[in-house]
Amino acid sequence: FNGCIYLKKVNFNGTVLSIDKSAFEGCCNLREIELPDGLQYIGNFAFQSCEHLERITIPLTTEIIYFNAFRNTPNNLKIL
């Protein structure tokens, strides 16, 4: 979904174990994402430059979140 300017919200159905490097990078209109239970890994730059991201739900099963996963996202991003 890298660079998809029309993506506004993401909900996952089924099993997702990882969000890989730069998966949603540059999705400038993405506002909300709910990550599924069972997610273990969020890669480097996964949500970089998601300038309008307001809210993200990260499940407790997530063991690894790379340092730059949320680089250049809003300071008021709500991480639940």
PDB file of N, CA and C in Angstrom:
ATOM      1  N   PHE A   1       0.817  -1.204   0.000  1.00  0.00           N
ATOM      2  CA  PHE A   1       0.000   0.000   0.000  1.00  0.00           C
ATOM      3  C   PHE A   1       0.857   1.264   0.000  1.00  0.00           C
ATOM      4  N   ASN A   2       2.157   1.100  -0.080  1.00  0.00           N
ATOM      5  CA  ASN A   2       3.102   2.206  -0.058  1.00  0.00           C
ATOM      6  C   ASN A   2       2.682   3.287  -1.052  1.00  0.00           C
ATOM      7  N   GLY A   3       2.511   4.513  -0.548  1.00  0.00           N
ATOM      8  CA  GLY A   3       2.195   5.649  -1.395  1.00  0.00           C
ATOM      9  C   GLY A   3       0.757   5.751  -1.857  1.00  0.00           C
ATOM     10  N   CYS A   4      -0.136   4.942  -1.322  1.00  0.00           N
ATOM     11  CA  CYS A   4      -1.547   4.975  -1.735  1.00  0.00           C
ATOM     12  C   CYS A   4      -2.217   6.214  -1.126  1.00  0.00           C
ATOM     13  N   ILE A   5      -2.464   7.216  -1.937  1.00  0.00           N
ATOM     14  CA  ILE A   5      -2.987   8.480  -1.413  1.00  0.00           C
ATOM     15  C   ILE A   5      -4.490   8.442  -1.141  1.00  0.00           C
ATOM     16  N   TYR A   6      -5.179   7.405  -1.595  1.00  0.00           N
ATOM     17  CA  TYR A   6      -6.629   7.318  -1.411  1.00  0.00           C
ATOM     18  C   TYR A   6      -7.046   6.495  -0.195  1.00  0.00           C
ATOM     19  N   LEU A   7      -6.107   5.827   0.432  1.00  0.00           N
ATOM     20  CA  LEU A   7      -6.390   4.974   1.580  1.00  0.00           C
ATOM     21  C   LEU A   7      -6.641   5.838   2.811  1.00  0.00           C
ATOM     22  N   LYS A   8      -7.808   5.652   3.466  1.00  0.00           N
ATOM     23  CA  LYS A   8      -8.158   6.459   4.635  1.00  0.00           C
ATOM     24  C   LYS A   8      -8.247   5.650   5.925  1.00  0.00           C
ATOM     25  N   LYS A   9      -8.669   4.392   5.810  1.00  0.00           N
ATOM     26  CA  LYS A   9      -8.860   3.562   6.997  1.00  0.00           C
ATOM     27  C   LYS A   9      -8.542   2.119   6.633  1.00  0.00           C
ATOM     28  N   VAL A  10      -7.935   1.401   7.582  1.00  0.00           N
ATOM     29  CA  VAL A  10      -7.588   0.001   7.336  1.00  0.00           C
ATOM     30  C   VAL A  10      -8.076  -0.851   8.497  1.00  0.00           C
ATOM     31  N   ASN A  11      -8.806  -1.895   8.176  1.00  0.00           N
ATOM     32  CA  ASN A  11      -9.188  -2.937   9.131  1.00  0.00           C
ATOM     33  C   ASN A  11      -8.770  -4.257   8.524  1.00  0.00           C
ATOM     34  N   PHE A  12      -8.201  -5.120   9.324  1.00  0.00           N
ATOM     35  CA  PHE A  12      -7.749  -6.412   8.841  1.00  0.00           C
ATOM     36  C   PHE A  12      -8.719  -7.505   9.245  1.00  0.00           C
ATOM     37  N   ASN A  13      -9.007  -8.404   8.328  1.00  0.00           N
ATOM     38  CA  ASN A  13      -9.757  -9.623   8.619  1.00  0.00           C
ATOM     39  C   ASN A  13      -8.793 -10.779   8.413  1.00  0.00           C
ATOM     40  N   GLY A  14      -8.804 -11.716   9.320  1.00  0.00           N
ATOM     41  CA  GLY A  14      -7.903 -12.847   9.183  1.00  0.00           C
ATOM     42  C   GLY A  14      -6.617 -12.633   9.961  1.00  0.00           C
ATOM     43  N   THR A  15      -5.647 -13.462   9.673  1.00  0.00           N
ATOM     44  CA  THR A  15      -4.391 -13.460  10.405  1.00  0.00           C
ATOM     45  C   THR A  15      -3.330 -12.645   9.684  1.00  0.00           C
ATOM     46  N   VAL A  16      -2.746 -11.718  10.407  1.00  0.00           N
ATOM     47  CA  VAL A  16      -1.615 -10.939   9.913  1.00  0.00           C
ATOM     48  C   VAL A  16      -0.548 -11.001  10.994  1.00  0.00           C
ATOM     49  N   LEU A  17       0.623 -11.511  10.643  1.00  0.00           N
ATOM     50  CA  LEU A  17       1.691 -11.649  11.625  1.00  0.00           C
ATOM     51  C   LEU A  17       2.660 -10.473  11.623  1.00  0.00           C
ATOM     52  N   SER A  18       2.776  -9.785  10.474  1.00  0.00           N
ATOM     53  CA  SER A  18       3.721  -8.676  10.420  1.00  0.00           C
ATOM     54  C   SER A  18       3.260  -7.598   9.453  1.00  0.00           C
ATOM     55  N   ILE A  19       3.671  -6.375   9.757  1.00  0.00           N
ATOM     56  CA  ILE A  19       3.546  -5.247   8.844  1.00  0.00           C
ATOM     57  C   ILE A  19       4.985  -4.944   8.450  1.00  0.00           C
ATOM     58  N   ASP A  20       5.333  -5.217   7.210  1.00  0.00           N
ATOM     59  CA  ASP A  20       6.725  -5.139   6.783  1.00  0.00           C
ATOM     60  C   ASP A  20       7.186  -3.718   6.494  1.00  0.00           C
ATOM     61  N   LYS A  21       8.475  -3.591   6.285  1.00  0.00           N
ATOM     62  CA  LYS A  21       9.135  -2.316   6.032  1.00  0.00           C
ATOM     63  C   LYS A  21       8.401  -1.519   4.949  1.00  0.00           C
ATOM     64  N   SER A  22       8.094  -0.272   5.284  1.00  0.00           N
ATOM     65  CA  SER A  22       7.495   0.701   4.363  1.00  0.00           C
ATOM     66  C   SER A  22       6.123   0.306   3.814  1.00  0.00           C
ATOM     67  N   ALA A  23       5.426  -0.596   4.487  1.00  0.00           N
ATOM     68  CA  ALA A  23       4.146  -1.116   3.985  1.00  0.00           C
ATOM     69  C   ALA A  23       3.113  -0.018   3.714  1.00  0.00           C
ATOM     70  N   PHE A  24       3.015   0.966   4.592  1.00  0.00           N
ATOM     71  CA  PHE A  24       2.043   2.041   4.442  1.00  0.00           C
ATOM     72  C   PHE A  24       2.731   3.408   4.323  1.00  0.00           C
ATOM     73  N   GLU A  25       3.995   3.406   4.042  1.00  0.00           N
ATOM     74  CA  GLU A  25       4.761   4.651   3.940  1.00  0.00           C
ATOM     75  C   GLU A  25       4.145   5.580   2.892  1.00  0.00           C
ATOM     76  N   GLY A  26       3.977   6.833   3.276  1.00  0.00           N
ATOM     77  CA  GLY A  26       3.478   7.831   2.344  1.00  0.00           C
ATOM     78  C   GLY A  26       1.987   7.773   2.075  1.00  0.00           C
ATOM     79  N   CYS A  27       1.249   7.006   2.839  1.00  0.00           N
ATOM     80  CA  CYS A  27      -0.218   6.986   2.692  1.00  0.00           C
ATOM     81  C   CYS A  27      -0.741   8.229   3.399  1.00  0.00           C
ATOM     82  N   CYS A  28      -0.661   9.349   2.708  1.00  0.00           N
ATOM     83  CA  CYS A  28      -0.845  10.654   3.330  1.00  0.00           C
ATOM     84  C   CYS A  28      -2.272  10.930   3.807  1.00  0.00           C
ATOM     85  N   ASN A  29      -3.252  10.177   3.360  1.00  0.00           N
ATOM     86  CA  ASN A  29      -4.627  10.383   3.828  1.00  0.00           C
ATOM     87  C   ASN A  29      -5.103   9.309   4.800  1.00  0.00           C
ATOM     88  N   LEU A  30      -4.214   8.390   5.159  1.00  0.00           N
ATOM     89  CA  LEU A  30      -4.566   7.362   6.135  1.00  0.00           C
ATOM     90  C   LEU A  30      -4.787   8.025   7.482  1.00  0.00           C
ATOM     91  N   ARG A  31      -5.955   7.796   8.064  1.00  0.00           N
ATOM     92  CA  ARG A  31      -6.307   8.441   9.329  1.00  0.00           C
ATOM     93  C   ARG A  31      -6.430   7.459  10.493  1.00  0.00           C
ATOM     94  N   GLU A  32      -6.813   6.230  10.202  1.00  0.00           N
ATOM     95  CA  GLU A  32      -7.063   5.275  11.285  1.00  0.00           C
ATOM     96  C   GLU A  32      -6.707   3.872  10.817  1.00  0.00           C
ATOM     97  N   ILE A  33      -6.075   3.115  11.709  1.00  0.00           N
ATOM     98  CA  ILE A  33      -5.756   1.722  11.406  1.00  0.00           C
ATOM     99  C   ILE A  33      -5.879   0.899  12.679  1.00  0.00           C
ATOM    100  N   GLU A  34      -6.538  -0.231  12.548  1.00  0.00           N
ATOM    101  CA  GLU A  34      -6.677  -1.157  13.667  1.00  0.00           C
ATOM    102  C   GLU A  34      -5.945  -2.440  13.284  1.00  0.00           C
ATOM    103  N   LEU A  35      -4.862  -2.705  13.985  1.00  0.00           N
ATOM    104  CA  LEU A  35      -4.056  -3.885  13.694  1.00  0.00           C
ATOM    105  C   LEU A  35      -4.636  -5.091  14.419  1.00  0.00           C
ATOM    106  N   PRO A  36      -4.588  -6.254  13.805  1.00  0.00           N
ATOM    107  CA  PRO A  36      -5.274  -7.430  14.351  1.00  0.00           C
ATOM    108  C   PRO A  36      -4.516  -8.109  15.489  1.00  0.00           C
ATOM    109  N   ASP A  37      -5.278  -8.771  16.359  1.00  0.00           N
ATOM    110  CA  ASP A  37      -4.669  -9.623  17.380  1.00  0.00           C
ATOM    111  C   ASP A  37      -3.811 -10.666  16.684  1.00  0.00           C
ATOM    112  N   GLY A  38      -2.685 -10.969  17.267  1.00  0.00           N
ATOM    113  CA  GLY A  38      -1.771 -11.933  16.677  1.00  0.00           C
ATOM    114  C   GLY A  38      -0.611 -11.281  15.947  1.00  0.00           C
ATOM    115  N   LEU A  39      -0.724  -9.971  15.682  1.00  0.00           N
ATOM    116  CA  LEU A  39       0.375  -9.265  15.026  1.00  0.00           C
ATOM    117  C   LEU A  39       1.603  -9.308  15.921  1.00  0.00           C
ATOM    118  N   GLN A  40       2.748  -9.625  15.339  1.00  0.00           N
ATOM    119  CA  GLN A  40       3.966  -9.764  16.126  1.00  0.00           C
ATOM    120  C   GLN A  40       5.011  -8.700  15.837  1.00  0.00           C
ATOM    121  N   TYR A  41       4.946  -8.062  14.657  1.00  0.00           N
ATOM    122  CA  TYR A  41       6.073  -7.272  14.185  1.00  0.00           C
ATOM    123  C   TYR A  41       5.598  -6.088  13.337  1.00  0.00           C
ATOM    124  N   ILE A  42       6.149  -4.910  13.610  1.00  0.00           N
ATOM    125  CA  ILE A  42       5.940  -3.734  12.768  1.00  0.00           C
ATOM    126  C   ILE A  42       7.307  -3.267  12.304  1.00  0.00           C
ATOM    127  N   GLY A  43       7.528  -3.293  11.008  1.00  0.00           N
ATOM    128  CA  GLY A  43       8.839  -3.019  10.435  1.00  0.00           C
ATOM    129  C   GLY A  43       9.205  -1.544  10.373  1.00  0.00           C
ATOM    130  N   ASN A  44      10.458  -1.317  10.051  1.00  0.00           N
ATOM    131  CA  ASN A  44      11.017   0.014   9.912  1.00  0.00           C
ATOM    132  C   ASN A  44      10.246   0.809   8.846  1.00  0.00           C
ATOM    133  N   PHE A  45       9.940   2.044   9.156  1.00  0.00           N
ATOM    134  CA  PHE A  45       9.258   2.960   8.242  1.00  0.00           C
ATOM    135  C   PHE A  45       7.867   2.486   7.807  1.00  0.00           C
ATOM    136  N   ALA A  46       7.269   1.547   8.520  1.00  0.00           N
ATOM    137  CA  ALA A  46       5.984   0.968   8.134  1.00  0.00           C
ATOM    138  C   ALA A  46       4.907   2.033   7.921  1.00  0.00           C
ATOM    139  N   PHE A  47       4.892   3.067   8.756  1.00  0.00           N
ATOM    140  CA  PHE A  47       3.886   4.127   8.655  1.00  0.00           C
ATOM    141  C   PHE A  47       4.530   5.503   8.472  1.00  0.00           C
ATOM    142  N   GLN A  48       5.741   5.521   7.978  1.00  0.00           N
ATOM    143  CA  GLN A  48       6.458   6.787   7.790  1.00  0.00           C
ATOM    144  C   GLN A  48       5.669   7.723   6.877  1.00  0.00           C
ATOM    145  N   SER A  49       5.652   8.987   7.256  1.00  0.00           N
ATOM    146  CA  SER A  49       5.023  10.058   6.477  1.00  0.00           C
ATOM    147  C   SER A  49       3.526   9.848   6.251  1.00  0.00           C
ATOM    148  N   CYS A  50       2.876   9.186   7.185  1.00  0.00           N
ATOM    149  CA  CYS A  50       1.409   9.129   7.190  1.00  0.00           C
ATOM    150  C   CYS A  50       0.961  10.385   7.939  1.00  0.00           C
ATOM    151  N   GLU A  51       0.968  11.485   7.223  1.00  0.00           N
ATOM    152  CA  GLU A  51       0.855  12.823   7.791  1.00  0.00           C
ATOM    153  C   GLU A  51      -0.449  13.103   8.526  1.00  0.00           C
ATOM    154  N   HIS A  52      -1.498  12.366   8.197  1.00  0.00           N
ATOM    155  CA  HIS A  52      -2.794  12.615   8.822  1.00  0.00           C
ATOM    156  C   HIS A  52      -3.258  11.469   9.722  1.00  0.00           C
ATOM    157  N   LEU A  53      -2.347  10.574  10.043  1.00  0.00           N
ATOM    158  CA  LEU A  53      -2.703   9.450  10.900  1.00  0.00           C
ATOM    159  C   LEU A  53      -3.088   9.977  12.281  1.00  0.00           C
ATOM    160  N   GLU A  54      -4.307   9.654  12.707  1.00  0.00           N
ATOM    161  CA  GLU A  54      -4.839  10.147  13.978  1.00  0.00           C
ATOM    162  C   GLU A  54      -4.853   9.084  15.059  1.00  0.00           C
ATOM    163  N   ARG A  55      -5.047   7.822  14.641  1.00  0.00           N
ATOM    164  CA  ARG A  55      -5.261   6.771  15.639  1.00  0.00           C
ATOM    165  C   ARG A  55      -4.795   5.430  15.089  1.00  0.00           C
ATOM    166  N   ILE A  56      -4.084   4.688  15.929  1.00  0.00           N
ATOM    167  CA  ILE A  56      -3.671   3.337  15.567  1.00  0.00           C
ATOM    168  C   ILE A  56      -3.828   2.450  16.793  1.00  0.00           C
ATOM    169  N   THR A  57      -4.401   1.281  16.576  1.00  0.00           N
ATOM    170  CA  THR A  57      -4.565   0.308  17.648  1.00  0.00           C
ATOM    171  C   THR A  57      -3.572  -0.816  17.419  1.00  0.00           C
ATOM    172  N   ILE A  58      -2.694  -1.015  18.394  1.00  0.00           N
ATOM    173  CA  ILE A  58      -1.658  -2.045  18.310  1.00  0.00           C
ATOM    174  C   ILE A  58      -1.968  -3.107  19.361  1.00  0.00           C
ATOM    175  N   PRO A  59      -2.120  -4.371  18.944  1.00  0.00           N
ATOM    176  CA  PRO A  59      -2.464  -5.415  19.922  1.00  0.00           C
ATOM    177  C   PRO A  59      -1.296  -5.754  20.846  1.00  0.00           C
ATOM    178  N   LEU A  60      -1.621  -6.311  21.984  1.00  0.00           N
ATOM    179  CA  LEU A  60      -0.608  -6.700  22.970  1.00  0.00           C
ATOM    180  C   LEU A  60       0.312  -7.809  22.475  1.00  0.00           C
ATOM    181  N   THR A  61      -0.071  -8.493  21.422  1.00  0.00           N
ATOM    182  CA  THR A  61       0.751  -9.564  20.876  1.00  0.00           C
ATOM    183  C   THR A  61       1.966  -9.040  20.102  1.00  0.00           C
ATOM    184  N   THR A  62       1.999  -7.749  19.839  1.00  0.00           N
ATOM    185  CA  THR A  62       3.092  -7.158  19.066  1.00  0.00           C
ATOM    186  C   THR A  62       4.349  -7.113  19.917  1.00  0.00           C
ATOM    187  N   GLU A  63       5.368  -7.843  19.484  1.00  0.00           N
ATOM    188  CA  GLU A  63       6.620  -7.959  20.244  1.00  0.00           C
ATOM    189  C   GLU A  63       7.701  -7.009  19.759  1.00  0.00           C
ATOM    190  N   ILE A  64       7.714  -6.676  18.465  1.00  0.00           N
ATOM    191  CA  ILE A  64       8.769  -5.848  17.898  1.00  0.00           C
ATOM    192  C   ILE A  64       8.149  -4.691  17.124  1.00  0.00           C
ATOM    193  N   ILE A  65       8.543  -3.474  17.486  1.00  0.00           N
ATOM    194  CA  ILE A  65       8.180  -2.276  16.734  1.00  0.00           C
ATOM    195  C   ILE A  65       9.487  -1.544  16.467  1.00  0.00           C
ATOM    196  N   TYR A  66       9.843  -1.452  15.206  1.00  0.00           N
ATOM    197  CA  TYR A  66      11.092  -0.785  14.876  1.00  0.00           C
ATOM    198  C   TYR A  66      11.027   0.696  15.203  1.00  0.00           C
ATOM    199  N   PHE A  67      12.175   1.244  15.559  1.00  0.00           N
ATOM    200  CA  PHE A  67      12.327   2.622  16.015  1.00  0.00           C
ATOM    201  C   PHE A  67      11.694   3.632  15.062  1.00  0.00           C
ATOM    202  N   ASN A  68      11.888   3.481  13.782  1.00  0.00           N
ATOM    203  CA  ASN A  68      11.381   4.436  12.789  1.00  0.00           C
ATOM    204  C   ASN A  68      10.038   4.045  12.194  1.00  0.00           C
ATOM    205  N   ALA A  69       9.316   3.164  12.807  1.00  0.00           N
ATOM    206  CA  ALA A  69       8.041   2.698  12.264  1.00  0.00           C
ATOM    207  C   ALA A  69       7.046   3.834  12.059  1.00  0.00           C
ATOM    208  N   PHE A  70       7.082   4.837  12.936  1.00  0.00           N
ATOM    209  CA  PHE A  70       6.123   5.939  12.880  1.00  0.00           C
ATOM    210  C   PHE A  70       6.807   7.282  12.613  1.00  0.00           C
ATOM    211  N   ARG A  71       7.896   7.255  11.889  1.00  0.00           N
ATOM    212  CA  ARG A  71       8.653   8.476  11.579  1.00  0.00           C
ATOM    213  C   ARG A  71       7.787   9.427  10.730  1.00  0.00           C
ATOM    214  N   ASN A  72       7.849  10.702  11.082  1.00  0.00           N
ATOM    215  CA  ASN A  72       7.109  11.756  10.370  1.00  0.00           C
ATOM    216  C   ASN A  72       5.591  11.554  10.404  1.00  0.00           C
ATOM    217  N   THR A  73       5.097  11.135  11.545  1.00  0.00           N
ATOM    218  CA  THR A  73       3.657  11.081  11.771  1.00  0.00           C
ATOM    219  C   THR A  73       3.309  12.188  12.763  1.00  0.00           C
ATOM    220  N   PRO A  74       2.043  12.540  12.888  1.00  0.00           N
ATOM    221  CA  PRO A  74       1.665  13.657  13.787  1.00  0.00           C
ATOM    222  C   PRO A  74       2.061  13.414  15.243  1.00  0.00           C
ATOM    223  N   ASN A  75       2.424  14.482  15.913  1.00  0.00           N
ATOM    224  CA  ASN A  75       2.800  14.411  17.338  1.00  0.00           C
ATOM    225  C   ASN A  75       1.637  13.985  18.223  1.00  0.00           C
ATOM    226  N   ASN A  76       0.425  14.247  17.793  1.00  0.00           N
ATOM    227  CA  ASN A  76      -0.750  13.914  18.603  1.00  0.00           C
ATOM    228  C   ASN A  76      -1.360  12.559  18.220  1.00  0.00           C
ATOM    229  N   LEU A  77      -0.614  11.716  17.535  1.00  0.00           N
ATOM    230  CA  LEU A  77      -1.076  10.391  17.154  1.00  0.00           C
ATOM    231  C   LEU A  77      -1.463   9.612  18.409  1.00  0.00           C
ATOM    232  N   LYS A  78      -2.684   9.055  18.405  1.00  0.00           N
ATOM    233  CA  LYS A  78      -3.154   8.249  19.522  1.00  0.00           C
ATOM    234  C   LYS A  78      -2.808   6.791  19.235  1.00  0.00           C
ATOM    235  N   ILE A  79      -1.987   6.215  20.095  1.00  0.00           N
ATOM    236  CA  ILE A  79      -1.612   4.807  19.964  1.00  0.00           C
ATOM    237  C   ILE A  79      -2.305   4.057  21.086  1.00  0.00           C
ATOM    238  N   LEU A  80      -3.186   3.161  20.701  1.00  0.00           N
ATOM    239  CA  LEU A  80      -3.987   2.393  21.672  1.00  0.00           C
ATOM    240  C   LEU A  80      -3.540   0.954  21.683  1.00  0.00           C
TER     241      LEU A  80
END
